[in-house]
Amino acid sequence: MTSTDVEPDVTPETSSAASPEASSAPSAEKPKTLTNLSNDQIKELIPHRWPMLLLDRIEKVEPGVEGVAIKNVAGTEFWFQGHFPDEAILPGIVVIEAMAQLAGVVFSLAGAGKISYLTGVRSMRFKKRIVPGDRIVLSAVRTAGARGVGEYRVVARTDDQVAAEGVITITDPGANNTLRKV
């Protein structure tokens, strides 16, 4: 199954009353906003699997533009065993990976392949501890990009407060010779 075969809820981004199926126009129209993607649907879009699939649900994604996802933090996640034994805190790198997975979904739905690489992290700031029981609301908004590369402003929030924010770069290895698999 390809990313175009996923069947989440679809919200047309145009005000036209005609259904997308009835339209005979070429696909030059705006991409559709997808909503309420389940964990199984996310698996169709990115290669990650447990324990590294960090997105529990995607609330909405506008292909190539932006997305919002949820990560529920369980105390049983293995990284809490050593980070830290007396005070469990979600490691910052796990937060970055969750942000990158969301940006990867936004990127892949715009036509990139299922596999994309996290090739840059900059200006990342951690402002609030994330602990077991927290619900992280992740957002990724494309700010720049060209020729198989997308730059995304990413934010992780808990309790409506910014816990982490920064900029992530995602690259399609098929579009950039310097990232070919060896």
C-alpha atoms as a PDB file:
ATOM      1  CA  MET A   1       0.000   0.000   0.000  1.00  0.00           C
ATOM      2  CA  THR A   2       1.342   3.467  -0.827  1.00  0.00           C
ATOM      3  CA  SER A   3       0.755   6.719   1.031  1.00  0.00           C
ATOM      4  CA  THR A   4      -2.014   7.550  -1.427  1.00  0.00           C
ATOM      5  CA  ASP A   5      -3.873   4.339  -0.482  1.00  0.00           C
ATOM      6  CA  VAL A   6      -4.396   5.388   3.139  1.00  0.00           C
ATOM      7  CA  GLU A   7      -8.065   6.107   3.776  1.00  0.00           C
ATOM      8  CA  PRO A   8      -8.305   8.628   6.637  1.00  0.00           C
ATOM      9  CA  ASP A   9     -10.977  11.286   6.873  1.00  0.00           C
ATOM     10  CA  VAL A  10     -10.443  13.822   4.081  1.00  0.00           C
ATOM     11  CA  THR A  11     -11.385  17.473   4.236  1.00  0.00           C
ATOM     12  CA  PRO A  12     -11.428  19.302   0.881  1.00  0.00           C
ATOM     13  CA  GLU A  13      -9.473  22.545   0.982  1.00  0.00           C
ATOM     14  CA  THR A  14     -11.680  24.142  -1.641  1.00  0.00           C
ATOM     15  CA  SER A  15     -15.163  25.561  -1.144  1.00  0.00           C
ATOM     16  CA  SER A  16     -16.494  23.803  -4.237  1.00  0.00           C
ATOM     17  CA  ALA A  17     -19.622  21.743  -3.690  1.00  0.00           C
ATOM     18  CA  ALA A  18     -18.466  19.124  -6.200  1.00  0.00           C
ATOM     19  CA  SER A  19     -16.950  15.993  -4.721  1.00  0.00           C
ATOM     20  CA  PRO A  20     -13.265  15.273  -5.435  1.00  0.00           C
ATOM     21  CA  GLU A  21     -14.279  12.023  -7.157  1.00  0.00           C
ATOM     22  CA  ALA A  22     -16.533  13.884  -9.601  1.00  0.00           C
ATOM     23  CA  SER A  23     -13.851  16.343 -10.629  1.00  0.00           C
ATOM     24  CA  SER A  24     -12.178  15.707 -13.966  1.00  0.00           C
ATOM     25  CA  ALA A  25      -9.629  18.480 -13.453  1.00  0.00           C
ATOM     26  CA  PRO A  26      -5.962  17.509 -13.223  1.00  0.00           C
ATOM     27  CA  SER A  27      -4.447  17.243  -9.748  1.00  0.00           C
ATOM     28  CA  ALA A  28      -3.342  20.894  -9.810  1.00  0.00           C
ATOM     29  CA  GLU A  29      -5.813  21.688  -7.043  1.00  0.00           C
ATOM     30  CA  LYS A  30      -4.712  22.126  -3.467  1.00  0.00           C
ATOM     31  CA  PRO A  31      -3.885  18.884  -1.587  1.00  0.00           C
ATOM     32  CA  LYS A  32      -6.574  17.585   0.734  1.00  0.00           C
ATOM     33  CA  THR A  33      -6.260  17.932   4.487  1.00  0.00           C
ATOM     34  CA  LEU A  34      -6.322  14.509   6.124  1.00  0.00           C
ATOM     35  CA  THR A  35      -7.683  14.128   9.651  1.00  0.00           C
ATOM     36  CA  ASN A  36      -7.707  11.512  12.391  1.00  0.00           C
ATOM     37  CA  LEU A  37      -5.011   9.173  11.087  1.00  0.00           C
ATOM     38  CA  SER A  38      -4.677   6.150  13.364  1.00  0.00           C
ATOM     39  CA  ASN A  39      -1.449   4.462  14.386  1.00  0.00           C
ATOM     40  CA  ASP A  40      -2.037   1.802  11.699  1.00  0.00           C
ATOM     41  CA  GLN A  41      -2.509   4.488   9.030  1.00  0.00           C
ATOM     42  CA  ILE A  42       0.684   6.225  10.182  1.00  0.00           C
ATOM     43  CA  LYS A  43       2.537   2.919   9.642  1.00  0.00           C
ATOM     44  CA  GLU A  44       1.554   3.123   5.974  1.00  0.00           C
ATOM     45  CA  LEU A  45       3.318   6.497   5.680  1.00  0.00           C
ATOM     46  CA  ILE A  46       6.605   6.023   7.554  1.00  0.00           C
ATOM     47  CA  PRO A  47       8.764   2.923   8.145  1.00  0.00           C
ATOM     48  CA  HIS A  48       9.003   3.217  11.947  1.00  0.00           C
ATOM     49  CA  ARG A  49       7.617   0.452  14.165  1.00  0.00           C
ATOM     50  CA  TRP A  50       7.391  -0.145  17.895  1.00  0.00           C
ATOM     51  CA  PRO A  51       9.260   0.883  19.956  1.00  0.00           C
ATOM     52  CA  MET A  52      10.416   3.701  17.669  1.00  0.00           C
ATOM     53  CA  LEU A  53       7.034   4.635  16.178  1.00  0.00           C
ATOM     54  CA  LEU A  54       6.319   7.588  18.440  1.00  0.00           C
ATOM     55  CA  LEU A  55       3.144   9.061  16.935  1.00  0.00           C
ATOM     56  CA  ASP A  56      -0.073   7.689  18.427  1.00  0.00           C
ATOM     57  CA  ARG A  57      -2.402   9.679  16.189  1.00  0.00           C
ATOM     58  CA  ILE A  58      -2.255  12.444  13.606  1.00  0.00           C
ATOM     59  CA  GLU A  59      -5.063  14.917  14.165  1.00  0.00           C
ATOM     60  CA  LYS A  60      -4.580  16.645  10.824  1.00  0.00           C
ATOM     61  CA  VAL A  61      -2.073  16.939   8.040  1.00  0.00           C
ATOM     62  CA  GLU A  62      -2.058  19.170   4.998  1.00  0.00           C
ATOM     63  CA  PRO A  63       0.365  17.382   2.644  1.00  0.00           C
ATOM     64  CA  GLY A  64       3.590  19.324   2.205  1.00  0.00           C
ATOM     65  CA  VAL A  65       2.410  22.174   4.427  1.00  0.00           C
ATOM     66  CA  GLU A  66       1.703  21.297   8.073  1.00  0.00           C
ATOM     67  CA  GLY A  67       0.565  18.669  10.528  1.00  0.00           C
ATOM     68  CA  VAL A  68      -0.557  18.127  14.118  1.00  0.00           C
ATOM     69  CA  ALA A  69      -0.033  14.839  15.983  1.00  0.00           C
ATOM     70  CA  ILE A  70      -0.403  13.312  19.437  1.00  0.00           C
ATOM     71  CA  LYS A  71       2.129  11.339  21.487  1.00  0.00           C
ATOM     72  CA  ASN A  72       0.881   9.914  24.785  1.00  0.00           C
ATOM     73  CA  VAL A  73       3.771   9.403  27.199  1.00  0.00           C
ATOM     74  CA  ALA A  74       3.520   6.113  29.117  1.00  0.00           C
ATOM     75  CA  GLY A  75       5.674   5.348  32.138  1.00  0.00           C
ATOM     76  CA  THR A  76       6.307   1.873  30.702  1.00  0.00           C
ATOM     77  CA  GLU A  77       8.358   3.223  27.766  1.00  0.00           C
ATOM     78  CA  PHE A  78      11.817   1.695  27.969  1.00  0.00           C
ATOM     79  CA  TRP A  79      13.835   4.941  28.011  1.00  0.00           C
ATOM     80  CA  PHE A  80      12.454   5.820  31.443  1.00  0.00           C
ATOM     81  CA  GLN A  81      14.362   2.901  33.001  1.00  0.00           C
ATOM     82  CA  GLY A  82      17.581   4.890  32.917  1.00  0.00           C
ATOM     83  CA  HIS A  83      16.453   8.488  32.306  1.00  0.00           C
ATOM     84  CA  PHE A  84      16.266   8.875  35.235  1.00  0.00           C
ATOM     85  CA  PRO A  85      15.566   6.093  37.780  1.00  0.00           C
ATOM     86  CA  ASP A  86      14.411   8.488  40.522  1.00  0.00           C
ATOM     87  CA  GLU A  87      12.745  11.066  38.255  1.00  0.00           C
ATOM     88  CA  ALA A  88      11.466   9.882  34.884  1.00  0.00           C
ATOM     89  CA  ILE A  89      11.940  12.511  32.156  1.00  0.00           C
ATOM     90  CA  LEU A  90      11.391  11.872  28.448  1.00  0.00           C
ATOM     91  CA  PRO A  91      14.794  12.286  26.747  1.00  0.00           C
ATOM     92  CA  GLY A  92      15.009  15.314  24.455  1.00  0.00           C
ATOM     93  CA  ILE A  93      16.189  13.186  21.552  1.00  0.00           C
ATOM     94  CA  VAL A  94      12.920  11.208  21.742  1.00  0.00           C
ATOM     95  CA  VAL A  95      10.972  14.471  21.500  1.00  0.00           C
ATOM     96  CA  ILE A  96      13.056  15.458  18.454  1.00  0.00           C
ATOM     97  CA  GLU A  97      12.405  12.054  16.857  1.00  0.00           C
ATOM     98  CA  ALA A  98       8.632  12.424  17.377  1.00  0.00           C
ATOM     99  CA  MET A  99       8.790  15.876  15.761  1.00  0.00           C
ATOM    100  CA  ALA A 100      10.817  14.448  12.870  1.00  0.00           C
ATOM    101  CA  GLN A 101       8.305  11.630  12.346  1.00  0.00           C
ATOM    102  CA  LEU A 102       5.475  14.151  12.041  1.00  0.00           C
ATOM    103  CA  ALA A 103       7.505  16.314   9.635  1.00  0.00           C
ATOM    104  CA  GLY A 104       8.307  13.129   7.684  1.00  0.00           C
ATOM    105  CA  VAL A 105       4.597  12.354   7.281  1.00  0.00           C
ATOM    106  CA  VAL A 106       3.850  15.906   6.085  1.00  0.00           C
ATOM    107  CA  PHE A 107       6.801  15.613   3.685  1.00  0.00           C
ATOM    108  CA  SER A 108       5.948  12.123   2.373  1.00  0.00           C
ATOM    109  CA  LEU A 109       2.309  12.997   1.677  1.00  0.00           C
ATOM    110  CA  ALA A 110       3.527  15.798  -0.608  1.00  0.00           C
ATOM    111  CA  GLY A 111       4.992  13.189  -2.941  1.00  0.00           C
ATOM    112  CA  ALA A 112       8.303  12.238  -1.362  1.00  0.00           C
ATOM    113  CA  GLY A 113       8.997   8.575  -0.727  1.00  0.00           C
ATOM    114  CA  LYS A 114       7.964   6.688   2.408  1.00  0.00           C
ATOM    115  CA  ILE A 115      11.535   6.848   3.675  1.00  0.00           C
ATOM    116  CA  SER A 116      12.944  10.283   4.388  1.00  0.00           C
ATOM    117  CA  TYR A 117      15.937  11.274   6.462  1.00  0.00           C
ATOM    118  CA  LEU A 118      16.252  13.691   9.335  1.00  0.00           C
ATOM    119  CA  THR A 119      19.214  15.716   8.075  1.00  0.00           C
ATOM    120  CA  GLY A 120      19.185  18.748  10.312  1.00  0.00           C
ATOM    121  CA  VAL A 121      18.151  20.057  13.713  1.00  0.00           C
ATOM    122  CA  ARG A 122      18.760  23.639  14.682  1.00  0.00           C
ATOM    123  CA  SER A 123      17.674  26.184  17.244  1.00  0.00           C
ATOM    124  CA  MET A 124      16.095  23.399  19.323  1.00  0.00           C
ATOM    125  CA  ARG A 125      15.092  24.605  22.779  1.00  0.00           C
ATOM    126  CA  PHE A 126      13.704  22.517  25.631  1.00  0.00           C
ATOM    127  CA  LYS A 127      11.530  24.620  27.905  1.00  0.00           C
ATOM    128  CA  LYS A 128       9.529  22.162  30.000  1.00  0.00           C
ATOM    129  CA  ARG A 129      10.069  18.623  31.252  1.00  0.00           C
ATOM    130  CA  ILE A 130       7.957  15.918  29.670  1.00  0.00           C
ATOM    131  CA  VAL A 131       7.087  13.126  32.098  1.00  0.00           C
ATOM    132  CA  PRO A 132       5.004   9.929  32.132  1.00  0.00           C
ATOM    133  CA  GLY A 133       1.310  10.722  31.841  1.00  0.00           C
ATOM    134  CA  ASP A 134       1.848  13.777  29.642  1.00  0.00           C
ATOM    135  CA  ARG A 135       0.055  14.134  26.324  1.00  0.00           C
ATOM    136  CA  ILE A 136       2.318  15.827  23.782  1.00  0.00           C
ATOM    137  CA  VAL A 137       0.698  17.825  20.996  1.00  0.00           C
ATOM    138  CA  LEU A 138       3.229  18.068  18.168  1.00  0.00           C
ATOM    139  CA  SER A 139       3.077  20.499  15.270  1.00  0.00           C
ATOM    140  CA  ALA A 140       5.206  20.831  12.148  1.00  0.00           C
ATOM    141  CA  VAL A 141       4.880  23.703   9.666  1.00  0.00           C
ATOM    142  CA  ARG A 142       6.952  23.822   6.487  1.00  0.00           C
ATOM    143  CA  THR A 143       8.937  27.054   6.325  1.00  0.00           C
ATOM    144  CA  ALA A 144      11.210  26.366   3.341  1.00  0.00           C
ATOM    145  CA  GLY A 145      12.242  23.681   0.936  1.00  0.00           C
ATOM    146  CA  ALA A 146      13.123  22.715  -2.599  1.00  0.00           C
ATOM    147  CA  ARG A 147      14.249  19.691  -4.629  1.00  0.00           C
ATOM    148  CA  GLY A 148      13.553  16.948  -2.121  1.00  0.00           C
ATOM    149  CA  VAL A 149      14.303  18.922   1.048  1.00  0.00           C
ATOM    150  CA  GLY A 150      11.828  20.401   3.513  1.00  0.00           C
ATOM    151  CA  GLU A 151      12.477  22.612   6.510  1.00  0.00           C
ATOM    152  CA  TYR A 152       9.884  22.553   9.297  1.00  0.00           C
ATOM    153  CA  ARG A 153       9.249  24.704  12.345  1.00  0.00           C
ATOM    154  CA  VAL A 154       8.348  22.147  15.016  1.00  0.00           C
ATOM    155  CA  VAL A 155       6.769  22.567  18.442  1.00  0.00           C
ATOM    156  CA  ALA A 156       5.931  20.088  21.215  1.00  0.00           C
ATOM    157  CA  ARG A 157       3.352  21.221  23.786  1.00  0.00           C
ATOM    158  CA  THR A 158       2.100  19.701  27.021  1.00  0.00           C
ATOM    159  CA  ASP A 159      -0.717  21.265  29.033  1.00  0.00           C
ATOM    160  CA  ASP A 160      -0.897  24.052  26.406  1.00  0.00           C
ATOM    161  CA  GLN A 161       2.687  25.085  27.227  1.00  0.00           C
ATOM    162  CA  VAL A 162       5.654  24.865  24.867  1.00  0.00           C
ATOM    163  CA  ALA A 163       7.891  22.026  26.013  1.00  0.00           C
ATOM    164  CA  ALA A 164      10.277  22.090  23.026  1.00  0.00           C
ATOM    165  CA  GLU A 165      10.619  23.969  19.750  1.00  0.00           C
ATOM    166  CA  GLY A 166      13.054  24.295  16.898  1.00  0.00           C
ATOM    167  CA  VAL A 167      13.673  23.686  13.204  1.00  0.00           C
ATOM    168  CA  ILE A 168      14.035  20.283  11.546  1.00  0.00           C
ATOM    169  CA  THR A 169      15.190  19.479   8.014  1.00  0.00           C
ATOM    170  CA  ILE A 170      13.821  16.397   6.251  1.00  0.00           C
ATOM    171  CA  THR A 171      15.332  15.064   3.010  1.00  0.00           C
ATOM    172  CA  ASP A 172      14.126  12.571   0.402  1.00  0.00           C
ATOM    173  CA  PRO A 173      17.152  10.331  -0.266  1.00  0.00           C
ATOM    174  CA  GLY A 174      15.936   9.680  -3.812  1.00  0.00           C
ATOM    175  CA  ALA A 175      16.067  13.380  -4.679  1.00  0.00           C
ATOM    176  CA  ASN A 176      19.545  14.189  -3.390  1.00  0.00           C
ATOM    177  CA  ASN A 177      22.631  12.323  -4.599  1.00  0.00           C
ATOM    178  CA  THR A 178      24.573  13.077  -1.423  1.00  0.00           C
ATOM    179  CA  LEU A 179      22.118  10.977   0.622  1.00  0.00           C
ATOM    180  CA  ARG A 180      22.081   7.800  -1.433  1.00  0.00           C
ATOM    181  CA  LYS A 181      22.204   4.564   0.514  1.00  0.00           C
ATOM    182  CA  VAL A 182      25.640   2.944   0.481  1.00  0.00           C
END
